[in-house]
Amino acid sequence: MVANDVVLSGAALVVALVVLVAVWRLRRDLRQNGGVDTDQLSAAISETWREMDFDRAVNQVETHASEMHDLHSDIERLLRSPQARGEFGEQQLDVLLSDHLPPDMYGLRQQVVDGKTPDAHVRAAAGVICIDSKFPLDNYERVLDAATDDERQRHARQFRQDVDKQLAKIERDYVQPSEGTADFAFAFIPSESVYYHLITEEYDLLRDYTKRGVQVVSPLTFGHKLELIKADVRARKLSEQAEDIQAKLQTLAARFDDLEAEWSTLYRHVSNAQSKADDVDNEYDRLRAEFDRIDQPTVED
């Protein structure tokens, strides 16, 4: 269906472009010759098609559409298998995490909380954020394949129940702040179309679980979340560094205070010693002067 839409859109664009060019030429001819007939119109369109090589353009559109259709079909077949869905989700997680975070900030398939092993986790400032990529899609596929509205609604209710059950499990297993986790976890859906269905058809359910600590994310929204987490970690590190610098400055200031007290004591002692030295020097000069004034006895022959 996606490929067909691409083909139709591409073909419509080509035809519209041909018609526009042809109309422009006809308007020019009308101004020059005063009129135009159907043969001229057909000839103008054919000439425009040939000169602008639209056959090649249409062939390229059809080729790209066929490639997109094959890729879309491969992904659909891949996502129909629960095991393949899980592996595909884990691979997407690995790519997204490695694109947005440094290696020391995340891990894959590691036991991090109460014996539980999430598909991935992020070491954030608020604690360990667990990520689960296992998501029930069988009933969602049945919704898409349903032949009647009643059948579609029945499978939609079953899909909602599946989602509710999975999100409750994620909350129970991975939202445990007392065990070192953050107060929220991520439910990763490797399909933007499924995510769009949930936020449009099951928004109340997602909002309820968001309040309970389970955030449903798609590849696109998850990337934004990771950037916010990384920014928060950097801000926390800068804050810790600032606090460390402040503590060191306070320690240095205390040492300066101690040194100032010791210097004041030393200066007082030196001043006292200088004063005593001046007193002694003055006393010495006084005694010396008195001594010099004493007449020396003379010896008569």
C-alpha atoms as a PDB file:
ATOM      1  CA  MET A   1       0.000   0.000   0.000  1.00  0.00           C
ATOM      2  CA  VAL A   2       2.829   2.415   0.829  1.00  0.00           C
ATOM      3  CA  ALA A   3       4.565   1.633  -2.462  1.00  0.00           C
ATOM      4  CA  ASN A   4       1.341   2.137  -4.421  1.00  0.00           C
ATOM      5  CA  ASP A   5       0.846   5.525  -2.776  1.00  0.00           C
ATOM      6  CA  VAL A   6       4.390   6.496  -3.730  1.00  0.00           C
ATOM      7  CA  VAL A   7       3.825   5.423  -7.345  1.00  0.00           C
ATOM      8  CA  LEU A   8       0.564   7.374  -7.583  1.00  0.00           C
ATOM      9  CA  SER A   9       2.088  10.464  -5.978  1.00  0.00           C
ATOM     10  CA  GLY A  10       5.132  10.359  -8.227  1.00  0.00           C
ATOM     11  CA  ALA A  11       3.096   9.778 -11.361  1.00  0.00           C
ATOM     12  CA  ALA A  12       0.677  12.562 -10.445  1.00  0.00           C
ATOM     13  CA  LEU A  13       3.585  14.942  -9.935  1.00  0.00           C
ATOM     14  CA  VAL A  14       5.057  14.064 -13.327  1.00  0.00           C
ATOM     15  CA  VAL A  15       1.731  14.482 -15.129  1.00  0.00           C
ATOM     16  CA  ALA A  16       1.066  17.789 -13.387  1.00  0.00           C
ATOM     17  CA  LEU A  17       4.481  19.063 -14.411  1.00  0.00           C
ATOM     18  CA  VAL A  18       3.918  18.022 -18.025  1.00  0.00           C
ATOM     19  CA  VAL A  19       0.545  19.756 -18.120  1.00  0.00           C
ATOM     20  CA  LEU A  20       1.974  22.945 -16.625  1.00  0.00           C
ATOM     21  CA  VAL A  21       4.772  23.095 -19.182  1.00  0.00           C
ATOM     22  CA  ALA A  22       2.359  22.326 -22.004  1.00  0.00           C
ATOM     23  CA  VAL A  23      -0.072  25.035 -20.874  1.00  0.00           C
ATOM     24  CA  TRP A  24       2.763  27.523 -20.706  1.00  0.00           C
ATOM     25  CA  ARG A  25       3.747  26.686 -24.291  1.00  0.00           C
ATOM     26  CA  LEU A  26       0.153  26.934 -25.471  1.00  0.00           C
ATOM     27  CA  ARG A  27      -0.267  30.329 -23.860  1.00  0.00           C
ATOM     28  CA  ARG A  28       2.864  31.444 -25.673  1.00  0.00           C
ATOM     29  CA  ASP A  29       1.483  30.126 -28.969  1.00  0.00           C
ATOM     30  CA  LEU A  30      -1.847  31.827 -28.326  1.00  0.00           C
ATOM     31  CA  ARG A  31      -0.105  35.136 -27.950  1.00  0.00           C
ATOM     32  CA  GLN A  32       1.955  34.544 -31.092  1.00  0.00           C
ATOM     33  CA  ASN A  33      -0.577  32.857 -33.412  1.00  0.00           C
ATOM     34  CA  GLY A  34      -3.912  33.907 -31.956  1.00  0.00           C
ATOM     35  CA  GLY A  35      -5.267  30.371 -31.449  1.00  0.00           C
ATOM     36  CA  VAL A  36      -4.607  26.670 -30.869  1.00  0.00           C
ATOM     37  CA  ASP A  37      -6.363  23.396 -31.710  1.00  0.00           C
ATOM     38  CA  THR A  38      -6.395  19.900 -30.156  1.00  0.00           C
ATOM     39  CA  ASP A  39      -3.625  18.677 -32.450  1.00  0.00           C
ATOM     40  CA  GLN A  40      -1.399  21.460 -31.169  1.00  0.00           C
ATOM     41  CA  LEU A  41      -2.278  20.545 -27.592  1.00  0.00           C
ATOM     42  CA  SER A  42      -1.415  16.880 -28.145  1.00  0.00           C
ATOM     43  CA  ALA A  43       1.793  17.775 -29.928  1.00  0.00           C
ATOM     44  CA  ALA A  44       2.815  20.192 -27.173  1.00  0.00           C
ATOM     45  CA  ILE A  45       2.278  17.586 -24.456  1.00  0.00           C
ATOM     46  CA  SER A  46       4.155  14.919 -26.427  1.00  0.00           C
ATOM     47  CA  GLU A  47       7.027  17.274 -27.135  1.00  0.00           C
ATOM     48  CA  THR A  48       7.226  18.333 -23.492  1.00  0.00           C
ATOM     49  CA  TRP A  49       7.168  14.708 -22.324  1.00  0.00           C
ATOM     50  CA  ARG A  50       9.948  13.775 -24.737  1.00  0.00           C
ATOM     51  CA  GLU A  51      12.173  16.801 -24.162  1.00  0.00           C
ATOM     52  CA  MET A  52      12.052  16.515 -20.366  1.00  0.00           C
ATOM     53  CA  ASP A  53      12.660  12.751 -20.471  1.00  0.00           C
ATOM     54  CA  PHE A  54       9.651  11.939 -18.294  1.00  0.00           C
ATOM     55  CA  ASP A  55       9.725   8.263 -19.285  1.00  0.00           C
ATOM     56  CA  ARG A  56      12.976   7.868 -17.387  1.00  0.00           C
ATOM     57  CA  ALA A  57      11.618   9.839 -14.412  1.00  0.00           C
ATOM     58  CA  VAL A  58       8.512   7.654 -14.198  1.00  0.00           C
ATOM     59  CA  ASN A  59      10.636   4.512 -14.426  1.00  0.00           C
ATOM     60  CA  GLN A  60      12.823   5.761 -11.570  1.00  0.00           C
ATOM     61  CA  VAL A  61       9.764   6.507  -9.446  1.00  0.00           C
ATOM     62  CA  GLU A  62       8.385   3.026 -10.098  1.00  0.00           C
ATOM     63  CA  THR A  63      11.763   1.440  -9.282  1.00  0.00           C
ATOM     64  CA  HIS A  64      12.116   3.317  -5.977  1.00  0.00           C
ATOM     65  CA  ALA A  65       8.510   2.541  -5.094  1.00  0.00           C
ATOM     66  CA  SER A  66       9.100  -1.143  -5.752  1.00  0.00           C
ATOM     67  CA  GLU A  67      12.183  -1.106  -3.525  1.00  0.00           C
ATOM     68  CA  MET A  68      10.245   0.635  -0.751  1.00  0.00           C
ATOM     69  CA  HIS A  69       7.408  -1.880  -1.113  1.00  0.00           C
ATOM     70  CA  ASP A  70       9.856  -4.781  -0.779  1.00  0.00           C
ATOM     71  CA  LEU A  71      11.460  -3.182   2.280  1.00  0.00           C
ATOM     72  CA  HIS A  72       8.066  -2.508   3.841  1.00  0.00           C
ATOM     73  CA  SER A  73       7.005  -6.107   3.218  1.00  0.00           C
ATOM     74  CA  ASP A  74      10.220  -7.443   4.757  1.00  0.00           C
ATOM     75  CA  ILE A  75       9.702  -5.335   7.883  1.00  0.00           C
ATOM     76  CA  GLU A  76       6.068  -6.432   8.142  1.00  0.00           C
ATOM     77  CA  ARG A  77       7.084 -10.090   7.919  1.00  0.00           C
ATOM     78  CA  LEU A  78       9.819  -9.478  10.468  1.00  0.00           C
ATOM     79  CA  LEU A  79       7.475  -7.861  12.976  1.00  0.00           C
ATOM     80  CA  ARG A  80       4.903 -10.666  12.748  1.00  0.00           C
ATOM     81  CA  SER A  81       7.221 -13.045  14.611  1.00  0.00           C
ATOM     82  CA  PRO A  82       7.417 -12.308  18.379  1.00  0.00           C
ATOM     83  CA  GLN A  83      11.023 -13.505  18.565  1.00  0.00           C
ATOM     84  CA  ALA A  84      11.994 -11.496  15.498  1.00  0.00           C
ATOM     85  CA  ARG A  85      10.216  -8.452  16.934  1.00  0.00           C
ATOM     86  CA  GLY A  86      12.215  -8.777  20.119  1.00  0.00           C
ATOM     87  CA  GLU A  87      15.516  -9.076  18.264  1.00  0.00           C
ATOM     88  CA  PHE A  88      14.603  -6.186  15.971  1.00  0.00           C
ATOM     89  CA  GLY A  89      13.682  -4.030  18.971  1.00  0.00           C
ATOM     90  CA  GLU A  90      16.932  -4.861  20.760  1.00  0.00           C
ATOM     91  CA  GLN A  91      18.944  -3.998  17.652  1.00  0.00           C
ATOM     92  CA  GLN A  92      17.168  -0.667  17.365  1.00  0.00           C
ATOM     93  CA  LEU A  93      17.820  -0.024  21.039  1.00  0.00           C
ATOM     94  CA  ASP A  94      21.515  -0.738  20.592  1.00  0.00           C
ATOM     95  CA  VAL A  95      21.744   1.647  17.627  1.00  0.00           C
ATOM     96  CA  LEU A  96      19.827   4.441  19.351  1.00  0.00           C
ATOM     97  CA  LEU A  97      21.751   4.146  22.600  1.00  0.00           C
ATOM     98  CA  SER A  98      25.136   4.107  20.859  1.00  0.00           C
ATOM     99  CA  ASP A  99      24.134   7.102  18.717  1.00  0.00           C
ATOM    100  CA  HIS A 100      23.026   9.261  21.646  1.00  0.00           C
ATOM    101  CA  LEU A 101      24.995   8.160  24.716  1.00  0.00           C
ATOM    102  CA  PRO A 102      28.620   7.422  25.640  1.00  0.00           C
ATOM    103  CA  PRO A 103      29.351   3.716  26.312  1.00  0.00           C
ATOM    104  CA  ASP A 104      29.679   4.213  30.070  1.00  0.00           C
ATOM    105  CA  MET A 105      26.102   5.462  30.361  1.00  0.00           C
ATOM    106  CA  TYR A 106      24.171   2.399  29.173  1.00  0.00           C
ATOM    107  CA  GLY A 107      24.170  -1.388  29.029  1.00  0.00           C
ATOM    108  CA  LEU A 108      22.333  -4.200  27.214  1.00  0.00           C
ATOM    109  CA  ARG A 109      20.843  -7.361  28.710  1.00  0.00           C
ATOM    110  CA  GLN A 110      22.476  -6.898  32.104  1.00  0.00           C
ATOM    111  CA  GLN A 111      20.981  -7.769  35.474  1.00  0.00           C
ATOM    112  CA  VAL A 112      20.544  -4.449  37.228  1.00  0.00           C
ATOM    113  CA  VAL A 113      17.615  -4.678  39.642  1.00  0.00           C
ATOM    114  CA  ASP A 114      16.237  -7.382  41.944  1.00  0.00           C
ATOM    115  CA  GLY A 115      17.337 -10.255  39.712  1.00  0.00           C
ATOM    116  CA  LYS A 116      15.586  -8.762  36.663  1.00  0.00           C
ATOM    117  CA  THR A 117      17.325  -8.271  33.316  1.00  0.00           C
ATOM    118  CA  PRO A 118      15.856  -5.513  31.121  1.00  0.00           C
ATOM    119  CA  ASP A 119      16.599  -5.357  27.410  1.00  0.00           C
ATOM    120  CA  ALA A 120      18.669  -2.235  28.099  1.00  0.00           C
ATOM    121  CA  HIS A 121      19.297   0.292  30.823  1.00  0.00           C
ATOM    122  CA  VAL A 122      20.649   3.806  31.165  1.00  0.00           C
ATOM    123  CA  ARG A 123      22.683   5.034  34.129  1.00  0.00           C
ATOM    124  CA  ALA A 124      21.147   8.436  34.761  1.00  0.00           C
ATOM    125  CA  ALA A 125      21.398  11.027  37.503  1.00  0.00           C
ATOM    126  CA  ALA A 126      18.060   9.849  38.930  1.00  0.00           C
ATOM    127  CA  GLY A 127      19.109   6.180  39.024  1.00  0.00           C
ATOM    128  CA  VAL A 128      19.040   3.234  36.634  1.00  0.00           C
ATOM    129  CA  ILE A 129      16.428   3.664  33.893  1.00  0.00           C
ATOM    130  CA  CYS A 130      15.270   0.268  32.619  1.00  0.00           C
ATOM    131  CA  ILE A 131      14.090  -0.211  29.026  1.00  0.00           C
ATOM    132  CA  ASP A 132      11.854  -3.038  27.823  1.00  0.00           C
ATOM    133  CA  SER A 133      11.424  -3.648  24.085  1.00  0.00           C
ATOM    134  CA  LYS A 134       9.115  -6.680  24.244  1.00  0.00           C
ATOM    135  CA  PHE A 135       5.716  -5.529  23.049  1.00  0.00           C
ATOM    136  CA  PRO A 136       2.591  -7.561  22.110  1.00  0.00           C
ATOM    137  CA  LEU A 137       1.615  -6.835  18.503  1.00  0.00           C
ATOM    138  CA  ASP A 138      -0.387  -9.903  17.458  1.00  0.00           C
ATOM    139  CA  ASN A 139      -3.769  -8.308  18.093  1.00  0.00           C
ATOM    140  CA  TYR A 140      -2.586  -5.076  16.503  1.00  0.00           C
ATOM    141  CA  GLU A 141      -1.899  -7.038  13.316  1.00  0.00           C
ATOM    142  CA  ARG A 142      -5.387  -8.507  13.589  1.00  0.00           C
ATOM    143  CA  VAL A 143      -6.800  -4.990  13.862  1.00  0.00           C
ATOM    144  CA  LEU A 144      -5.128  -4.098  10.571  1.00  0.00           C
ATOM    145  CA  ASP A 145      -6.267  -7.318   8.889  1.00  0.00           C
ATOM    146  CA  ALA A 146      -9.854  -7.232  10.203  1.00  0.00           C
ATOM    147  CA  ALA A 147     -12.551  -7.521   7.537  1.00  0.00           C
ATOM    148  CA  THR A 148     -15.379  -5.903   9.519  1.00  0.00           C
ATOM    149  CA  ASP A 149     -15.746  -3.080  12.029  1.00  0.00           C
ATOM    150  CA  ASP A 150     -16.939  -5.478  14.739  1.00  0.00           C
ATOM    151  CA  GLU A 151     -13.902  -7.669  14.245  1.00  0.00           C
ATOM    152  CA  ARG A 152     -11.631  -4.637  14.242  1.00  0.00           C
ATOM    153  CA  GLN A 153     -13.119  -3.306  17.480  1.00  0.00           C
ATOM    154  CA  ARG A 154     -12.832  -6.701  19.162  1.00  0.00           C
ATOM    155  CA  HIS A 155      -9.161  -7.017  18.288  1.00  0.00           C
ATOM    156  CA  ALA A 156      -8.590  -3.381  19.316  1.00  0.00           C
ATOM    157  CA  ARG A 157      -9.966  -4.151  22.788  1.00  0.00           C
ATOM    158  CA  GLN A 158      -7.758  -7.236  22.997  1.00  0.00           C
ATOM    159  CA  PHE A 159      -4.752  -5.187  21.921  1.00  0.00           C
ATOM    160  CA  ARG A 160      -5.500  -2.632  24.644  1.00  0.00           C
ATOM    161  CA  GLN A 161      -5.629  -5.449  27.198  1.00  0.00           C
ATOM    162  CA  ASP A 162      -2.286  -6.782  25.918  1.00  0.00           C
ATOM    163  CA  VAL A 163      -0.716  -3.332  26.213  1.00  0.00           C
ATOM    164  CA  ASP A 164      -2.171  -2.839  29.695  1.00  0.00           C
ATOM    165  CA  LYS A 165      -0.753  -6.173  30.832  1.00  0.00           C
ATOM    166  CA  GLN A 166       2.714  -5.485  29.406  1.00  0.00           C
ATOM    167  CA  LEU A 167       2.937  -1.978  30.857  1.00  0.00           C
ATOM    168  CA  ALA A 168       1.851  -3.281  34.264  1.00  0.00           C
ATOM    169  CA  LYS A 169       4.658  -5.866  34.114  1.00  0.00           C
ATOM    170  CA  ILE A 170       7.205  -3.173  33.268  1.00  0.00           C
ATOM    171  CA  GLU A 171       5.992  -1.068  36.189  1.00  0.00           C
ATOM    172  CA  ARG A 172       6.185  -4.039  38.545  1.00  0.00           C
ATOM    173  CA  ASP A 173       9.641  -5.201  37.432  1.00  0.00           C
ATOM    174  CA  TYR A 174      11.516  -2.019  36.609  1.00  0.00           C
ATOM    175  CA  VAL A 175      10.052   0.904  38.563  1.00  0.00           C
ATOM    176  CA  GLN A 176      11.651   0.229  41.952  1.00  0.00           C
ATOM    177  CA  PRO A 177      13.368   3.358  43.320  1.00  0.00           C
ATOM    178  CA  SER A 178      14.083   1.566  46.608  1.00  0.00           C
ATOM    179  CA  GLU A 179      16.242  -0.877  44.619  1.00  0.00           C
ATOM    180  CA  GLY A 180      18.209   1.844  42.831  1.00  0.00           C
ATOM    181  CA  THR A 181      16.079   2.412  39.729  1.00  0.00           C
ATOM    182  CA  ALA A 182      14.740   5.742  38.579  1.00  0.00           C
ATOM    183  CA  ASP A 183      11.102   6.457  39.315  1.00  0.00           C
ATOM    184  CA  PHE A 184      10.229   5.643  35.713  1.00  0.00           C
ATOM    185  CA  ALA A 185      11.042   3.105  32.976  1.00  0.00           C
ATOM    186  CA  PHE A 186      10.668   3.030  29.188  1.00  0.00           C
ATOM    187  CA  ALA A 187       8.455   0.739  27.112  1.00  0.00           C
ATOM    188  CA  PHE A 188      10.139   0.856  23.702  1.00  0.00           C
ATOM    189  CA  ILE A 189       8.001   0.198  20.604  1.00  0.00           C
ATOM    190  CA  PRO A 190      10.124  -0.353  17.470  1.00  0.00           C
ATOM    191  CA  SER A 191       7.330   0.855  15.162  1.00  0.00           C
ATOM    192  CA  GLU A 192       6.242   4.453  14.654  1.00  0.00           C
ATOM    193  CA  SER A 193       2.867   3.316  13.251  1.00  0.00           C
ATOM    194  CA  VAL A 194       2.068   1.274  16.378  1.00  0.00           C
ATOM    195  CA  TYR A 195       3.161   4.178  18.579  1.00  0.00           C
ATOM    196  CA  TYR A 196       0.948   6.561  16.598  1.00  0.00           C
ATOM    197  CA  HIS A 197      -1.995   4.173  17.000  1.00  0.00           C
ATOM    198  CA  LEU A 198      -1.475   4.101  20.761  1.00  0.00           C
ATOM    199  CA  ILE A 199      -1.191   7.850  21.276  1.00  0.00           C
ATOM    200  CA  THR A 200      -4.278   8.477  19.126  1.00  0.00           C
ATOM    201  CA  GLU A 201      -6.492   5.545  20.147  1.00  0.00           C
ATOM    202  CA  GLU A 202      -5.222   4.665  23.648  1.00  0.00           C
ATOM    203  CA  TYR A 203      -3.997   8.012  24.929  1.00  0.00           C
ATOM    204  CA  ASP A 204      -5.809   7.673  28.258  1.00  0.00           C
ATOM    205  CA  LEU A 205      -4.063   4.356  28.938  1.00  0.00           C
ATOM    206  CA  LEU A 206      -0.624   5.785  28.103  1.00  0.00           C
ATOM    207  CA  ARG A 207      -1.277   8.865  30.236  1.00  0.00           C
ATOM    208  CA  ASP A 208      -2.259   6.695  33.201  1.00  0.00           C
ATOM    209  CA  TYR A 209       0.911   4.610  32.966  1.00  0.00           C
ATOM    210  CA  THR A 210       3.062   7.701  32.502  1.00  0.00           C
ATOM    211  CA  LYS A 211       1.798   8.892  35.888  1.00  0.00           C
ATOM    212  CA  ARG A 212       2.684   5.453  37.275  1.00  0.00           C
ATOM    213  CA  GLY A 213       6.232   5.630  35.902  1.00  0.00           C
ATOM    214  CA  VAL A 214       6.048   3.787  32.556  1.00  0.00           C
ATOM    215  CA  GLN A 215       6.723   5.939  29.492  1.00  0.00           C
ATOM    216  CA  VAL A 216       5.926   4.485  26.062  1.00  0.00           C
ATOM    217  CA  VAL A 217       8.420   5.635  23.421  1.00  0.00           C
ATOM    218  CA  SER A 218       9.079   5.076  19.726  1.00  0.00           C
ATOM    219  CA  PRO A 219      12.470   5.260  17.946  1.00  0.00           C
ATOM    220  CA  LEU A 220      11.943   8.968  17.250  1.00  0.00           C
ATOM    221  CA  THR A 221      10.718  10.026  20.690  1.00  0.00           C
ATOM    222  CA  PHE A 222      13.225   7.781  22.447  1.00  0.00           C
ATOM    223  CA  GLY A 223      16.105   9.621  20.793  1.00  0.00           C
ATOM    224  CA  HIS A 224      14.814  12.923  22.196  1.00  0.00           C
ATOM    225  CA  LYS A 225      14.431  11.362  25.652  1.00  0.00           C
ATOM    226  CA  LEU A 226      18.032  10.131  25.569  1.00  0.00           C
ATOM    227  CA  GLU A 227      19.306  13.603  24.717  1.00  0.00           C
ATOM    228  CA  LEU A 228      17.421  15.032  27.697  1.00  0.00           C
ATOM    229  CA  ILE A 229      18.840  12.332  29.975  1.00  0.00           C
ATOM    230  CA  LYS A 230      22.362  13.003  28.726  1.00  0.00           C
ATOM    231  CA  ALA A 231      21.929  16.748  29.292  1.00  0.00           C
ATOM    232  CA  ASP A 232      20.686  16.076  32.827  1.00  0.00           C
ATOM    233  CA  VAL A 233      23.690  13.853  33.581  1.00  0.00           C
ATOM    234  CA  ARG A 234      26.063  16.514  32.281  1.00  0.00           C
ATOM    235  CA  ALA A 235      24.323  19.183  34.344  1.00  0.00           C
ATOM    236  CA  ARG A 236      24.560  16.985  37.430  1.00  0.00           C
ATOM    237  CA  LYS A 237      28.281  16.391  36.820  1.00  0.00           C
ATOM    238  CA  LEU A 238      28.874  20.112  36.381  1.00  0.00           C
ATOM    239  CA  SER A 239      26.969  20.757  39.592  1.00  0.00           C
ATOM    240  CA  GLU A 240      29.045  18.151  41.431  1.00  0.00           C
ATOM    241  CA  GLN A 241      32.244  19.660  40.049  1.00  0.00           C
ATOM    242  CA  ALA A 242      31.096  23.123  41.122  1.00  0.00           C
ATOM    243  CA  GLU A 243      30.333  21.808  44.609  1.00  0.00           C
ATOM    244  CA  ASP A 244      33.760  20.149  44.748  1.00  0.00           C
ATOM    245  CA  ILE A 245      35.463  23.384  43.697  1.00  0.00           C
ATOM    246  CA  GLN A 246      33.453  25.295  46.289  1.00  0.00           C
ATOM    247  CA  ALA A 247      34.452  22.826  49.011  1.00  0.00           C
ATOM    248  CA  LYS A 248      38.120  23.139  48.031  1.00  0.00           C
ATOM    249  CA  LEU A 249      37.878  26.932  48.067  1.00  0.00           C
ATOM    250  CA  GLN A 250      36.308  26.817  51.522  1.00  0.00           C
ATOM    251  CA  THR A 251      39.117  24.548  52.742  1.00  0.00           C
ATOM    252  CA  LEU A 252      41.694  26.884  51.229  1.00  0.00           C
ATOM    253  CA  ALA A 253      39.989  29.886  52.847  1.00  0.00           C
ATOM    254  CA  ALA A 254      40.139  28.157  56.253  1.00  0.00           C
ATOM    255  CA  ARG A 255      43.845  27.484  55.763  1.00  0.00           C
ATOM    256  CA  PHE A 256      44.362  31.142  54.861  1.00  0.00           C
ATOM    257  CA  ASP A 257      42.585  32.113  58.086  1.00  0.00           C
ATOM    258  CA  ASP A 258      44.890  29.823  60.086  1.00  0.00           C
ATOM    259  CA  LEU A 259      47.940  31.209  58.314  1.00  0.00           C
ATOM    260  CA  GLU A 260      46.784  34.756  58.977  1.00  0.00           C
ATOM    261  CA  ALA A 261      46.421  33.986  62.699  1.00  0.00           C
ATOM    262  CA  GLU A 262      49.899  32.440  62.811  1.00  0.00           C
ATOM    263  CA  TRP A 263      51.348  35.383  60.900  1.00  0.00           C
ATOM    264  CA  SER A 264      49.731  37.842  63.328  1.00  0.00           C
ATOM    265  CA  THR A 265      51.240  35.961  66.274  1.00  0.00           C
ATOM    266  CA  LEU A 266      54.652  35.869  64.626  1.00  0.00           C
ATOM    267  CA  TYR A 267      54.436  39.544  63.725  1.00  0.00           C
ATOM    268  CA  ARG A 268      53.551  40.413  67.323  1.00  0.00           C
ATOM    269  CA  HIS A 269      56.497  38.391  68.628  1.00  0.00           C
ATOM    270  CA  VAL A 270      58.850  39.964  66.100  1.00  0.00           C
ATOM    271  CA  SER A 271      57.550  43.435  66.994  1.00  0.00           C
ATOM    272  CA  ASN A 272      58.068  42.735  70.683  1.00  0.00           C
ATOM    273  CA  ALA A 273      61.569  41.426  69.994  1.00  0.00           C
ATOM    274  CA  GLN A 274      62.316  44.507  67.919  1.00  0.00           C
ATOM    275  CA  SER A 275      61.098  46.721  70.753  1.00  0.00           C
ATOM    276  CA  LYS A 276      63.241  44.849  73.261  1.00  0.00           C
ATOM    277  CA  ALA A 277      66.215  45.059  70.932  1.00  0.00           C
ATOM    278  CA  ASP A 278      65.719  48.814  70.642  1.00  0.00           C
ATOM    279  CA  ASP A 279      65.554  49.108  74.459  1.00  0.00           C
ATOM    280  CA  VAL A 280      68.731  47.085  74.871  1.00  0.00           C
ATOM    281  CA  ASP A 281      70.460  49.112  72.183  1.00  0.00           C
ATOM    282  CA  ASN A 282      69.452  52.367  73.854  1.00  0.00           C
ATOM    283  CA  GLU A 283      70.588  51.109  77.247  1.00  0.00           C
ATOM    284  CA  TYR A 284      73.885  50.059  75.743  1.00  0.00           C
ATOM    285  CA  ASP A 285      74.415  53.487  74.214  1.00  0.00           C
ATOM    286  CA  ARG A 286      73.583  55.164  77.534  1.00  0.00           C
ATOM    287  CA  LEU A 287      75.990  52.980  79.509  1.00  0.00           C
ATOM    288  CA  ARG A 288      78.661  53.428  76.883  1.00  0.00           C
ATOM    289  CA  ALA A 289      78.342  57.189  77.066  1.00  0.00           C
ATOM    290  CA  GLU A 290      78.571  57.159  80.853  1.00  0.00           C
ATOM    291  CA  PHE A 291      81.589  54.937  80.693  1.00  0.00           C
ATOM    292  CA  ASP A 292      83.303  57.217  78.224  1.00  0.00           C
ATOM    293  CA  ARG A 293      82.767  60.223  80.497  1.00  0.00           C
ATOM    294  CA  ILE A 294      84.748  58.669  83.352  1.00  0.00           C
ATOM    295  CA  ASP A 295      88.213  60.322  83.561  1.00  0.00           C
ATOM    296  CA  GLN A 296      91.051  58.002  83.099  1.00  0.00           C
ATOM    297  CA  PRO A 297      93.612  58.122  86.037  1.00  0.00           C
ATOM    298  CA  THR A 298      97.048  59.565  85.252  1.00  0.00           C
ATOM    299  CA  VAL A 299     100.299  58.023  86.499  1.00  0.00           C
ATOM    300  CA  GLU A 300     102.957  60.483  87.692  1.00  0.00           C
ATOM    301  CA  ASP A 301     106.607  59.631  87.511  1.00  0.00           C
END
